Amino acid sequence: MNRTTETEIRFDHSFLIQSLVMPLAAGTYRLTVDEERIEELSFAAYRILAAHLEIPSIETPSLKRQHLQVTRAEIDAALLKDQQAVRPPATKDRV
């Protein structure tokens, strides 16, 4: 038995996926993951068959959308890098 799940993931900074030359803009992206159930086990477990990132971000108005095949490791690495990105310090108003 196969299943497909869609998740929205948020990037606060531009990010790069290995298969792209240019970084993608910050925003919320739809990630679609296709999985198949591993039947040999006595409990429910699934293996990933394919994962696709919909580009551009869902906030970007576009008549054309593409589904970029990615690995879960690529997405996890990009999300981790995004979370660790240094944010500029807040500036104090001078009076």
N, C-alpha and C. Protein backbone atom coordinates (compact mmCIF):
# COMPACT_ATOMS: atom_id res chain seq x y z
N MET A 1 0.84 -1.16 0.00
CA MET A 1 0.00 0.00 0.00
C MET A 1 0.90 1.25 0.00
N ASN A 2 0.60 2.18 -0.87
CA ASN A 2 1.37 3.41 -0.96
C ASN A 2 0.58 4.57 -0.36
N ARG A 3 1.30 5.61 0.02
CA ARG A 3 0.65 6.82 0.51
C ARG A 3 1.45 8.04 0.06
N THR A 4 0.75 9.15 -0.04
CA THR A 4 1.37 10.43 -0.39
C THR A 4 0.99 11.44 0.68
N THR A 5 2.00 12.16 1.18
CA THR A 5 1.74 13.21 2.17
C THR A 5 2.28 14.53 1.65
N GLU A 6 1.55 15.60 1.95
CA GLU A 6 1.99 16.95 1.60
C GLU A 6 2.22 17.72 2.88
N THR A 7 3.34 18.42 2.92
CA THR A 7 3.72 19.21 4.08
C THR A 7 4.17 20.58 3.60
N GLU A 8 3.88 21.60 4.36
CA GLU A 8 4.41 22.93 4.06
C GLU A 8 5.60 23.18 4.96
N ILE A 9 6.72 23.57 4.34
CA ILE A 9 7.93 23.85 5.10
C ILE A 9 8.33 25.30 4.87
N ARG A 10 8.83 25.94 5.92
CA ARG A 10 9.14 27.37 5.87
C ARG A 10 10.64 27.60 5.97
N PHE A 11 11.14 28.43 5.05
CA PHE A 11 12.54 28.88 5.08
C PHE A 11 12.53 30.38 5.33
N ASP A 12 13.26 30.82 6.35
CA ASP A 12 13.35 32.25 6.66
C ASP A 12 14.45 32.94 5.86
N HIS A 13 15.30 32.15 5.23
CA HIS A 13 16.41 32.68 4.43
C HIS A 13 16.43 31.96 3.09
N SER A 14 17.08 32.57 2.11
CA SER A 14 17.24 31.87 0.83
C SER A 14 18.05 30.60 1.09
N PHE A 15 17.84 29.59 0.25
CA PHE A 15 18.50 28.30 0.48
C PHE A 15 18.83 27.65 -0.85
N LEU A 16 19.74 26.70 -0.78
CA LEU A 16 20.21 26.03 -1.99
C LEU A 16 20.00 24.53 -1.86
N ILE A 17 19.45 23.95 -2.91
CA ILE A 17 19.30 22.50 -3.04
C ILE A 17 20.39 22.05 -4.00
N GLN A 18 20.99 20.90 -3.74
CA GLN A 18 22.15 20.44 -4.51
C GLN A 18 21.94 20.43 -6.02
N SER A 19 20.74 20.11 -6.48
CA SER A 19 20.52 20.00 -7.92
C SER A 19 20.30 21.35 -8.60
N LEU A 20 20.30 22.44 -7.84
CA LEU A 20 20.09 23.77 -8.41
C LEU A 20 21.38 24.59 -8.38
N VAL A 21 21.47 25.51 -9.33
CA VAL A 21 22.64 26.39 -9.40
C VAL A 21 22.39 27.65 -8.58
N MET A 22 21.17 28.14 -8.63
CA MET A 22 20.81 29.38 -7.93
C MET A 22 20.00 29.05 -6.68
N PRO A 23 20.15 29.85 -5.63
CA PRO A 23 19.36 29.61 -4.42
C PRO A 23 17.88 29.94 -4.64
N LEU A 24 17.04 29.31 -3.86
CA LEU A 24 15.61 29.60 -3.86
C LEU A 24 15.33 30.66 -2.80
N ALA A 25 14.32 31.47 -3.04
CA ALA A 25 13.98 32.56 -2.12
C ALA A 25 13.37 32.02 -0.83
N ALA A 26 13.51 32.79 0.22
CA ALA A 26 12.85 32.45 1.49
C ALA A 26 11.35 32.37 1.24
N GLY A 27 10.67 31.53 2.01
CA GLY A 27 9.22 31.41 1.86
C GLY A 27 8.74 30.05 2.32
N THR A 28 7.47 29.79 2.08
CA THR A 28 6.85 28.52 2.44
C THR A 28 6.72 27.68 1.18
N TYR A 29 7.19 26.45 1.26
CA TYR A 29 7.20 25.54 0.11
C TYR A 29 6.39 24.29 0.43
N ARG A 30 5.78 23.73 -0.60
CA ARG A 30 5.04 22.47 -0.44
C ARG A 30 5.98 21.31 -0.76
N LEU A 31 6.07 20.37 0.17
CA LEU A 31 6.88 19.16 -0.01
C LEU A 31 5.93 17.98 -0.10
N THR A 32 6.00 17.23 -1.20
CA THR A 32 5.18 16.04 -1.41
C THR A 32 6.07 14.82 -1.31
N VAL A 33 5.68 13.88 -0.46
CA VAL A 33 6.48 12.67 -0.24
C VAL A 33 5.63 11.44 -0.57
N ASP A 34 6.13 10.61 -1.48
CA ASP A 34 5.49 9.34 -1.83
C ASP A 34 6.21 8.22 -1.09
N GLU A 35 5.44 7.38 -0.40
CA GLU A 35 6.01 6.29 0.39
C GLU A 35 5.29 4.98 0.09
N GLU A 36 5.99 3.88 0.34
CA GLU A 36 5.35 2.57 0.23
C GLU A 36 5.48 1.86 1.57
N ARG A 37 4.47 1.09 1.88
CA ARG A 37 4.48 0.34 3.14
C ARG A 37 5.40 -0.86 3.01
N ILE A 38 6.17 -1.10 4.06
CA ILE A 38 7.04 -2.27 4.11
C ILE A 38 6.20 -3.40 4.68
N GLU A 39 5.81 -4.33 3.83
CA GLU A 39 4.86 -5.38 4.20
C GLU A 39 5.44 -6.45 5.10
N GLU A 40 6.74 -6.67 5.06
CA GLU A 40 7.35 -7.79 5.79
C GLU A 40 7.36 -7.60 7.30
N LEU A 41 7.06 -6.41 7.77
CA LEU A 41 7.16 -6.12 9.20
C LEU A 41 5.83 -6.35 9.91
N SER A 42 5.90 -6.58 11.21
CA SER A 42 4.69 -6.80 12.00
C SER A 42 4.06 -5.48 12.46
N PHE A 43 4.70 -4.36 12.14
CA PHE A 43 4.17 -3.05 12.49
C PHE A 43 4.20 -2.18 11.24
N ALA A 44 3.44 -1.10 11.25
CA ALA A 44 3.36 -0.22 10.09
C ALA A 44 4.65 0.60 9.96
N ALA A 45 5.30 0.46 8.82
CA ALA A 45 6.50 1.24 8.52
C ALA A 45 6.50 1.53 7.03
N TYR A 46 7.06 2.68 6.66
CA TYR A 46 7.06 3.10 5.26
C TYR A 46 8.47 3.49 4.84
N ARG A 47 8.75 3.31 3.55
CA ARG A 47 10.01 3.79 2.98
C ARG A 47 9.67 4.84 1.93
N ILE A 48 10.52 5.85 1.85
CA ILE A 48 10.29 6.94 0.90
C ILE A 48 10.66 6.46 -0.50
N LEU A 49 9.73 6.66 -1.43
CA LEU A 49 9.98 6.36 -2.84
C LEU A 49 10.49 7.60 -3.56
N ALA A 50 9.87 8.75 -3.27
CA ALA A 50 10.27 10.00 -3.92
C ALA A 50 9.77 11.17 -3.09
N ALA A 51 10.49 12.29 -3.19
CA ALA A 51 10.07 13.53 -2.55
C ALA A 51 10.22 14.65 -3.58
N HIS A 52 9.24 15.54 -3.61
CA HIS A 52 9.24 16.64 -4.58
C HIS A 52 8.95 17.95 -3.86
N LEU A 53 9.76 18.96 -4.19
CA LEU A 53 9.57 20.30 -3.66
C LEU A 53 8.91 21.14 -4.75
N GLU A 54 7.78 21.74 -4.43
CA GLU A 54 7.07 22.57 -5.41
C GLU A 54 7.70 23.96 -5.40
N ILE A 55 8.12 24.41 -6.59
CA ILE A 55 8.70 25.74 -6.72
C ILE A 55 7.93 26.53 -7.77
N PRO A 56 7.80 27.84 -7.58
CA PRO A 56 8.30 28.67 -6.49
C PRO A 56 7.49 28.47 -5.21
N SER A 57 7.81 29.28 -4.19
CA SER A 57 7.12 29.17 -2.90
C SER A 57 5.62 29.41 -3.10
N ILE A 58 4.82 28.93 -2.15
CA ILE A 58 3.37 29.05 -2.32
C ILE A 58 2.89 30.50 -2.21
N GLU A 59 3.70 31.39 -1.63
CA GLU A 59 3.31 32.81 -1.56
C GLU A 59 3.54 33.53 -2.89
N THR A 60 4.36 32.94 -3.75
CA THR A 60 4.71 33.58 -5.02
C THR A 60 3.64 33.31 -6.06
N PRO A 61 2.98 34.37 -6.56
CA PRO A 61 1.99 34.14 -7.60
C PRO A 61 2.69 33.64 -8.87
N SER A 62 2.20 32.55 -9.41
CA SER A 62 2.82 31.98 -10.60
C SER A 62 1.82 31.08 -11.31
N LEU A 63 1.77 31.20 -12.63
CA LEU A 63 0.92 30.32 -13.42
C LEU A 63 1.61 28.99 -13.67
N LYS A 64 2.92 28.98 -13.53
CA LYS A 64 3.69 27.76 -13.78
C LYS A 64 4.39 27.33 -12.50
N ARG A 65 4.17 26.09 -12.12
CA ARG A 65 4.83 25.52 -10.95
C ARG A 65 5.60 24.29 -11.38
N GLN A 66 6.72 24.06 -10.73
CA GLN A 66 7.54 22.88 -11.03
C GLN A 66 7.69 22.04 -9.77
N HIS A 67 7.89 20.76 -9.98
CA HIS A 67 8.12 19.83 -8.87
C HIS A 67 9.54 19.29 -9.00
N LEU A 68 10.40 19.76 -8.13
CA LEU A 68 11.81 19.40 -8.14
C LEU A 68 12.02 18.17 -7.26
N GLN A 69 12.56 17.10 -7.84
CA GLN A 69 12.82 15.90 -7.04
C GLN A 69 14.00 16.17 -6.11
N VAL A 70 13.79 15.89 -4.84
CA VAL A 70 14.80 16.12 -3.80
C VAL A 70 14.88 14.89 -2.91
N THR A 71 15.95 14.84 -2.13
CA THR A 71 16.04 13.78 -1.12
C THR A 71 15.64 14.37 0.23
N ARG A 72 15.24 13.51 1.12
CA ARG A 72 14.88 13.97 2.46
C ARG A 72 16.11 14.57 3.14
N ALA A 73 17.29 14.01 2.85
CA ALA A 73 18.54 14.53 3.43
C ALA A 73 18.80 15.96 2.97
N GLU A 74 18.52 16.27 1.69
CA GLU A 74 18.71 17.63 1.18
C GLU A 74 17.80 18.62 1.92
N ILE A 75 16.54 18.22 2.09
CA ILE A 75 15.58 19.10 2.77
C ILE A 75 15.98 19.29 4.22
N ASP A 76 16.34 18.21 4.90
CA ASP A 76 16.74 18.30 6.30
C ASP A 76 17.97 19.19 6.47
N ALA A 77 18.95 19.06 5.56
CA ALA A 77 20.16 19.88 5.63
C ALA A 77 19.84 21.36 5.38
N ALA A 78 18.98 21.63 4.41
CA ALA A 78 18.60 23.02 4.11
C ALA A 78 17.84 23.64 5.28
N LEU A 79 16.94 22.88 5.89
CA LEU A 79 16.19 23.39 7.05
C LEU A 79 17.11 23.65 8.24
N LEU A 80 18.06 22.76 8.48
CA LEU A 80 19.00 22.94 9.57
C LEU A 80 19.86 24.19 9.35
N LYS A 81 20.35 24.36 8.14
CA LYS A 81 21.16 25.53 7.81
C LYS A 81 20.34 26.81 7.97
N ASP A 82 19.07 26.76 7.57
CA ASP A 82 18.19 27.91 7.71
C ASP A 82 18.00 28.28 9.18
N GLN A 83 17.81 27.28 10.03
CA GLN A 83 17.62 27.52 11.46
C GLN A 83 18.87 28.06 12.12
N GLN A 84 20.03 27.69 11.60
CA GLN A 84 21.30 28.11 12.20
C GLN A 84 21.81 29.43 11.64
N ALA A 85 21.13 29.96 10.63
CA ALA A 85 21.59 31.20 9.99
C ALA A 85 21.60 32.33 11.01
N VAL A 86 22.62 33.13 10.93
CA VAL A 86 22.77 34.26 11.85
C VAL A 86 21.84 35.37 11.39
N ARG A 87 21.05 35.83 12.31
CA ARG A 87 20.15 36.94 12.01
C ARG A 87 20.83 38.24 12.42
N PRO A 88 20.64 39.30 11.65
CA PRO A 88 21.28 40.57 12.02
C PRO A 88 20.76 41.06 13.37
N PRO A 89 21.63 41.66 14.18
CA PRO A 89 21.20 42.14 15.49
C PRO A 89 20.17 43.27 15.34
N ALA A 90 19.26 43.33 16.28
CA ALA A 90 18.25 44.40 16.27
C ALA A 90 18.95 45.71 16.58
N THR A 91 18.55 46.76 15.90
CA THR A 91 19.15 48.08 16.16
C THR A 91 18.27 48.84 17.14
N LYS A 92 18.93 49.59 18.00
CA LYS A 92 18.20 50.40 18.98
C LYS A 92 17.96 51.77 18.37
N ASP A 93 16.77 52.30 18.66
CA ASP A 93 16.47 53.65 18.19
C ASP A 93 17.28 54.64 19.03
N ARG A 94 17.90 55.57 18.34
CA ARG A 94 18.67 56.60 19.05
C ARG A 94 17.82 57.85 19.21
N VAL A 95 17.86 58.40 20.40
CA VAL A 95 17.06 59.59 20.67
C VAL A 95 17.96 60.78 20.80
